[in-house]
Amino acid sequence: MANSKSFSLAPGRSHPLGATRLDDGSVNFAVFSRHATSVELCLFTDREDPTRETERIPIHEKSEEVWHVAVKGLPAGATYGFRVDGPWLPEQGHYYNANKLLLDPYARRIDGPSSHHASMVSLDISGARNNLDSGPVAPRGVVPTSDTYDWEGDTPLSIPMQECVFYETHVKGFTMKHPEVPEELRGTYAGLAHPSITEYLVSLGITSVQLMPIHQHLEDGFLLDRGLSNYWGYNTLGFFAPEAGYAASDDPVTEFRDLVKAFHRAGLEVILDVVYNHTCETGINGPTCLFRGFDNRVYYFNSPEK
């Protein structure tokens, strides 16, 4: 991992949170942490070895409790994460560990499906701090490009509640074996947007389709150990990113937007099942890949003595 000067840096701004493409072509990165002592932006720009951390940029600018920097010159397809340091005081609810690569909580797109790995775990089997480096295996955000999606005037349908007929379904399961959906689209957002699906739902009198979790989730370690996977998706990793594993293309964001637009054209509302009461980091014995690493005391409820 090199600390090169291949990019130009500017202080950036504290709002909005996450990674945002600016008018001058640079990308603004802004993350929250109240108790951190340092925050570093980690870049992955090697196309031949996309899991290799190539740049590490210390973030010096801090507005209130938001750390921010703007970076110009990032190549297309680059991914990123953060390393955050601070106190390791479990008795006070602090679990800072710069050995863990952290996903931007506001990432709009994540680099492929995400799975648990032993190096992401907060504590080792003895209960001590786990200092394994999770960089090569931790989930990473995709550096945003210009957002030029054409919604073609699409707006929410706002169907009165008393007129709604709901249908709950799973993106993957609904079309996985559907004979009228092209095989390469089955189990995906594009498959669900296929005319055979929208026409069928409309024929049933459905007005509103509730999708089971489509947010990026982390495959649980205890399931992977048994050769299983988290089918239902109730293990949220990225609240702002559509699950990459449900995309037929390499662009889950555009594909999901196309799905929403297709449903609206057919007169169908789209409702998302969102789980806010827990995340994929589980308890303190779980992985540190997101909120816990940025500020466990702020993002999570802790026991009364912490």
Protein backbone atom coordinates (compact mmCIF):
# COMPACT_ATOMS: atom_id res chain seq x y z
CA MET A 1 0.00 0.00 0.00
CA ALA A 2 1.44 3.31 -1.11
CA ASN A 3 0.86 6.84 0.07
CA SER A 4 1.21 8.50 -3.35
CA LYS A 5 0.53 12.07 -4.37
CA SER A 6 -1.34 11.07 -7.52
CA PHE A 7 -4.51 12.91 -6.52
CA SER A 8 -5.18 16.54 -5.73
CA LEU A 9 -6.84 17.17 -2.37
CA ALA A 10 -9.08 19.94 -1.08
CA PRO A 11 -10.80 20.42 2.30
CA GLY A 12 -14.18 19.44 0.91
CA ARG A 13 -17.37 19.98 2.85
CA SER A 14 -19.34 18.33 5.63
CA HIS A 15 -22.63 17.93 3.75
CA PRO A 16 -23.99 15.72 2.37
CA LEU A 17 -22.65 12.68 4.17
CA GLY A 18 -21.15 9.94 2.05
CA ALA A 19 -19.34 10.23 -1.28
CA THR A 20 -20.62 12.91 -3.67
CA ARG A 21 -19.39 13.87 -7.13
CA LEU A 22 -18.78 17.63 -7.32
CA ASP A 23 -19.08 19.94 -10.32
CA ASP A 24 -15.29 20.14 -10.79
CA GLY A 25 -15.05 16.35 -11.14
CA SER A 26 -13.69 15.73 -7.66
CA VAL A 27 -15.41 13.50 -5.12
CA ASN A 28 -16.31 14.79 -1.67
CA PHE A 29 -16.09 12.27 1.18
CA ALA A 30 -17.81 13.09 4.47
CA VAL A 31 -18.28 10.73 7.45
CA PHE A 32 -19.44 11.20 11.01
CA SER A 33 -17.50 10.29 14.13
CA ARG A 34 -17.73 12.06 17.47
CA HIS A 35 -15.07 10.15 19.40
CA ALA A 36 -12.48 9.22 16.74
CA THR A 37 -8.93 10.56 16.99
CA SER A 38 -8.13 10.01 13.31
CA VAL A 39 -9.91 9.07 10.08
CA GLU A 40 -8.22 7.87 6.89
CA LEU A 41 -9.76 7.47 3.45
CA CYS A 42 -8.58 4.22 1.84
CA LEU A 43 -8.66 3.88 -1.95
CA PHE A 44 -8.55 0.78 -4.12
CA THR A 45 -7.60 1.74 -7.66
CA ASP A 46 -5.71 -1.28 -9.03
CA ARG A 47 -7.85 -2.93 -11.71
CA GLU A 48 -5.58 -5.97 -11.81
CA ASP A 49 -5.90 -6.47 -8.03
CA PRO A 50 -9.07 -4.66 -6.87
CA THR A 51 -8.71 -5.85 -3.26
CA ARG A 52 -5.34 -4.15 -2.83
CA GLU A 53 -5.39 -0.89 -0.92
CA THR A 54 -3.40 1.53 -3.07
CA GLU A 55 -3.82 4.87 -1.32
CA ARG A 56 -4.40 6.00 2.25
CA ILE A 57 -5.32 9.65 2.73
CA PRO A 58 -5.48 11.12 6.25
CA ILE A 59 -8.52 13.37 6.66
CA HIS A 60 -7.56 16.53 8.52
CA GLU A 61 -10.66 18.66 8.01
CA LYS A 62 -13.38 18.32 10.62
CA SER A 63 -16.55 20.38 10.90
CA GLU A 64 -18.24 19.76 14.22
CA GLU A 65 -18.31 15.94 14.19
CA VAL A 66 -18.02 15.33 10.44
CA TRP A 67 -14.65 14.52 8.83
CA HIS A 68 -14.34 15.50 5.18
CA VAL A 69 -12.00 15.73 2.19
CA ALA A 70 -12.41 16.23 -1.58
CA VAL A 71 -10.27 14.14 -3.95
CA LYS A 72 -9.73 14.90 -7.63
CA GLY A 73 -8.34 12.45 -10.17
CA LEU A 74 -10.02 9.23 -9.04
CA PRO A 75 -10.25 6.64 -11.84
CA ALA A 76 -13.53 5.08 -12.92
CA GLY A 77 -14.34 1.91 -11.01
CA ALA A 78 -12.29 2.81 -7.95
CA THR A 79 -13.60 1.65 -4.60
CA TYR A 80 -13.08 3.04 -1.12
CA GLY A 81 -13.39 2.53 2.62
CA PHE A 82 -12.17 4.13 5.83
CA ARG A 83 -9.87 3.34 8.72
CA VAL A 84 -10.85 5.04 11.95
CA ASP A 85 -8.78 5.15 15.12
CA GLY A 86 -9.71 6.14 18.64
CA PRO A 87 -10.04 4.67 22.11
CA TRP A 88 -10.34 0.94 22.65
CA LEU A 89 -12.41 1.02 25.83
CA PRO A 90 -15.06 -1.69 25.70
CA GLU A 91 -16.19 -0.81 29.22
CA GLN A 92 -17.16 2.62 27.85
CA GLY A 93 -18.59 1.31 24.58
CA HIS A 94 -15.62 2.27 22.37
CA TYR A 95 -14.29 -0.31 19.90
CA TYR A 96 -12.02 1.69 17.60
CA ASN A 97 -9.64 -0.42 15.56
CA ALA A 98 -7.82 0.99 12.52
CA ASN A 99 -7.06 -2.57 11.38
CA LYS A 100 -10.67 -2.84 10.23
CA LEU A 101 -11.68 -1.36 6.89
CA LEU A 102 -15.05 0.36 7.28
CA LEU A 103 -17.77 0.79 4.71
CA ASP A 104 -19.17 4.27 4.21
CA PRO A 105 -22.62 4.13 5.92
CA TYR A 106 -23.95 6.38 3.14
CA ALA A 107 -22.51 4.44 0.18
CA ARG A 108 -24.99 4.30 -2.68
CA ARG A 109 -23.30 1.36 -4.35
CA ILE A 110 -21.21 -1.46 -2.87
CA ASP A 111 -18.63 -3.51 -4.72
CA GLY A 112 -20.44 -6.80 -5.18
CA PRO A 113 -22.16 -9.13 -2.68
CA SER A 114 -20.73 -8.98 0.85
CA SER A 115 -19.75 -11.84 3.14
CA HIS A 116 -18.53 -12.23 6.69
CA HIS A 117 -14.84 -13.00 7.20
CA ALA A 118 -12.92 -13.91 10.37
CA SER A 119 -10.68 -10.85 10.03
CA MET A 120 -13.72 -8.58 10.39
CA VAL A 121 -14.60 -9.88 13.85
CA SER A 122 -14.15 -7.38 16.69
CA LEU A 123 -12.93 -9.79 19.38
CA ASP A 124 -10.88 -12.97 19.10
CA ILE A 125 -11.89 -16.22 20.80
CA SER A 126 -10.23 -15.10 24.05
CA GLY A 127 -12.30 -11.92 24.12
CA ALA A 128 -9.31 -9.69 23.32
CA ARG A 129 -9.17 -7.12 20.53
CA ASN A 130 -8.79 -8.76 17.13
CA ASN A 131 -6.07 -6.94 15.19
CA LEU A 132 -6.29 -8.88 11.92
CA ASP A 133 -6.44 -6.55 8.92
CA SER A 134 -9.82 -6.86 7.19
CA GLY A 135 -8.87 -4.62 4.25
CA PRO A 136 -8.68 -7.26 1.48
CA VAL A 137 -12.06 -8.82 2.32
CA ALA A 138 -14.24 -6.08 3.84
CA PRO A 139 -17.04 -4.54 1.76
CA ARG A 140 -16.16 -1.33 -0.04
CA GLY A 141 -18.12 1.53 -1.56
CA VAL A 142 -17.88 2.35 -5.25
CA VAL A 143 -16.66 5.87 -6.02
CA PRO A 144 -19.65 7.64 -7.60
CA THR A 145 -19.71 8.88 -11.16
CA SER A 146 -21.97 11.64 -12.46
CA ASP A 147 -25.58 10.78 -11.68
CA THR A 148 -27.36 11.34 -14.98
CA TYR A 149 -30.24 8.88 -14.64
CA ASP A 150 -33.34 9.99 -16.54
CA TRP A 151 -36.46 9.39 -14.50
CA GLU A 152 -38.55 10.60 -17.47
CA GLY A 153 -40.86 12.54 -15.20
CA ASP A 154 -41.60 9.56 -12.96
CA THR A 155 -43.12 10.40 -9.56
CA PRO A 156 -44.58 8.39 -6.65
CA LEU A 157 -48.12 7.22 -7.34
CA SER A 158 -49.50 8.14 -3.89
CA ILE A 159 -52.44 5.76 -4.07
CA PRO A 160 -54.90 6.40 -1.21
CA MET A 161 -54.47 3.82 1.55
CA GLN A 162 -58.12 2.72 1.37
CA GLU A 163 -57.61 1.78 -2.27
CA CYS A 164 -54.37 -0.15 -1.83
CA VAL A 165 -54.06 -3.88 -2.43
CA PHE A 166 -50.65 -5.06 -1.20
CA TYR A 167 -48.48 -7.88 -2.47
CA GLU A 168 -45.30 -8.79 -0.56
CA THR A 169 -42.58 -10.63 -2.41
CA HIS A 170 -38.86 -11.42 -2.62
CA VAL A 171 -36.87 -10.03 -5.56
CA LYS A 172 -34.89 -13.20 -6.13
CA GLY A 173 -37.50 -15.78 -5.27
CA PHE A 174 -40.37 -14.37 -7.30
CA THR A 175 -38.73 -14.82 -10.70
CA MET A 176 -36.04 -17.43 -10.04
CA LYS A 177 -37.99 -20.16 -11.85
CA HIS A 178 -40.48 -18.07 -13.79
CA PRO A 179 -40.82 -19.58 -17.29
CA GLU A 180 -41.73 -16.27 -18.98
CA VAL A 181 -38.72 -14.35 -17.61
CA PRO A 182 -35.51 -14.75 -19.65
CA GLU A 183 -33.19 -17.11 -17.82
CA GLU A 184 -30.38 -14.54 -17.55
CA LEU A 185 -32.75 -12.12 -15.76
CA ARG A 186 -34.32 -14.50 -13.28
CA GLY A 187 -33.81 -13.59 -9.63
CA THR A 188 -32.90 -9.98 -10.39
CA TYR A 189 -34.34 -6.47 -10.40
CA ALA A 190 -34.48 -6.62 -14.20
CA GLY A 191 -36.37 -9.91 -13.99
CA LEU A 192 -38.95 -8.43 -11.65
CA ALA A 193 -39.40 -5.51 -14.04
CA HIS A 194 -40.16 -7.85 -16.95
CA PRO A 195 -43.58 -7.19 -18.56
CA SER A 196 -44.78 -10.71 -17.75
CA ILE A 197 -44.43 -9.86 -14.05
CA THR A 198 -46.00 -6.41 -14.06
CA GLU A 199 -48.88 -7.63 -16.23
CA TYR A 200 -49.52 -10.54 -13.88
CA LEU A 201 -49.56 -8.34 -10.79
CA VAL A 202 -51.92 -5.86 -12.43
CA SER A 203 -54.22 -8.71 -13.49
CA LEU A 204 -54.55 -9.68 -9.81
CA GLY A 205 -55.71 -6.20 -8.92
CA ILE A 206 -52.51 -5.37 -7.03
CA THR A 207 -51.72 -1.68 -6.51
CA SER A 208 -48.71 -1.79 -4.18
CA VAL A 209 -45.78 -4.23 -4.14
CA GLN A 210 -43.78 -4.51 -0.92
CA LEU A 211 -40.29 -5.85 -1.52
CA MET A 212 -38.58 -7.84 1.19
CA PRO A 213 -35.15 -6.31 2.02
CA ILE A 214 -33.30 -5.19 -1.09
CA HIS A 215 -30.60 -3.30 0.81
CA GLN A 216 -27.06 -4.65 0.68
CA HIS A 217 -26.65 -7.31 3.37
CA LEU A 218 -23.74 -9.26 4.81
CA GLU A 219 -23.76 -13.04 4.58
CA ASP A 220 -23.68 -14.33 8.17
CA GLY A 221 -20.59 -16.19 9.31
CA PHE A 222 -22.51 -18.94 11.09
CA LEU A 223 -24.49 -19.63 7.91
CA LEU A 224 -21.42 -19.65 5.68
CA ASP A 225 -19.80 -22.17 8.04
CA ARG A 226 -22.75 -24.47 7.32
CA GLY A 227 -22.67 -23.94 3.56
CA LEU A 228 -25.79 -21.77 3.73
CA SER A 229 -26.64 -18.17 2.86
CA ASN A 230 -28.89 -15.41 4.16
CA TYR A 231 -31.75 -15.74 1.69
CA TRP A 232 -34.11 -13.22 3.26
CA GLY A 233 -31.69 -10.30 3.57
CA TYR A 234 -32.56 -9.27 7.13
CA ASN A 235 -28.90 -8.51 7.92
CA THR A 236 -28.49 -5.01 6.56
CA LEU A 237 -25.05 -3.67 5.68
CA GLY A 238 -25.87 -0.67 3.48
CA PHE A 239 -29.11 1.20 4.05
CA PHE A 240 -28.59 3.33 0.92
CA ALA A 241 -27.31 0.67 -1.49
CA PRO A 242 -29.38 -1.92 -3.39
CA GLU A 243 -28.13 -5.48 -2.97
CA ALA A 244 -25.58 -6.18 -5.70
CA GLY A 245 -26.46 -9.88 -5.70
CA TYR A 246 -29.92 -9.11 -7.11
CA ALA A 247 -28.58 -7.31 -10.19
CA ALA A 248 -28.32 -8.90 -13.64
CA SER A 249 -25.88 -6.14 -14.62
CA ASP A 250 -22.86 -4.63 -12.88
CA ASP A 251 -24.92 -1.55 -11.96
CA PRO A 252 -27.51 -2.42 -9.30
CA VAL A 253 -28.45 1.23 -8.75
CA THR A 254 -29.57 1.85 -12.33
CA GLU A 255 -31.21 -1.55 -12.55
CA PHE A 256 -33.25 -0.94 -9.40
CA ARG A 257 -34.28 2.50 -10.64
CA ASP A 258 -35.44 0.88 -13.89
CA LEU A 259 -37.52 -1.53 -11.82
CA VAL A 260 -39.21 1.29 -9.91
CA LYS A 261 -39.92 3.19 -13.12
CA ALA A 262 -41.37 0.08 -14.80
CA PHE A 263 -43.64 -0.61 -11.83
CA HIS A 264 -44.88 2.98 -11.74
CA ARG A 265 -45.65 2.88 -15.46
CA ALA A 266 -47.77 -0.20 -14.78
CA GLY A 267 -49.59 1.62 -11.96
CA LEU A 268 -47.80 -0.29 -9.19
CA GLU A 269 -46.37 1.36 -6.09
CA VAL A 270 -43.05 0.14 -4.68
CA ILE A 271 -42.71 -0.21 -0.90
CA LEU A 272 -39.46 -1.28 0.78
CA ASP A 273 -39.16 -3.45 3.87
CA VAL A 274 -36.43 -1.68 5.87
CA VAL A 275 -34.92 -3.09 9.08
CA TYR A 276 -33.63 -0.36 11.39
CA ASN A 277 -33.53 -2.15 14.73
CA HIS A 278 -30.34 -4.11 14.02
CA THR A 279 -27.51 -4.37 11.48
CA CYS A 280 -25.14 -7.03 10.21
CA GLU A 281 -22.58 -6.10 12.89
CA THR A 282 -24.75 -7.90 15.50
CA GLY A 283 -23.27 -7.92 19.03
CA ILE A 284 -19.72 -6.98 20.04
CA ASN A 285 -18.53 -10.46 19.01
CA GLY A 286 -19.69 -9.75 15.47
CA PRO A 287 -17.91 -8.01 12.60
CA THR A 288 -16.68 -4.44 12.70
CA CYS A 289 -17.29 -3.15 9.20
CA LEU A 290 -19.59 -0.16 9.54
CA PHE A 291 -21.16 1.82 12.38
CA ARG A 292 -19.27 0.18 15.26
CA GLY A 293 -15.95 1.25 13.80
CA PHE A 294 -17.04 4.85 13.24
CA ASP A 295 -18.69 5.44 16.61
CA ASN A 296 -20.25 2.58 18.54
CA ARG A 297 -21.37 4.89 21.37
CA VAL A 298 -23.43 7.03 19.02
CA TYR A 299 -24.77 4.58 16.48
CA TYR A 300 -25.81 1.76 18.83
CA PHE A 301 -27.60 1.38 22.13
CA ASN A 302 -25.14 0.27 24.78
CA SER A 303 -25.71 -1.25 28.22
CA PRO A 304 -26.58 1.38 30.87
CA GLU A 305 -23.10 1.42 32.41
CA LYS A 306 -21.46 2.36 29.08
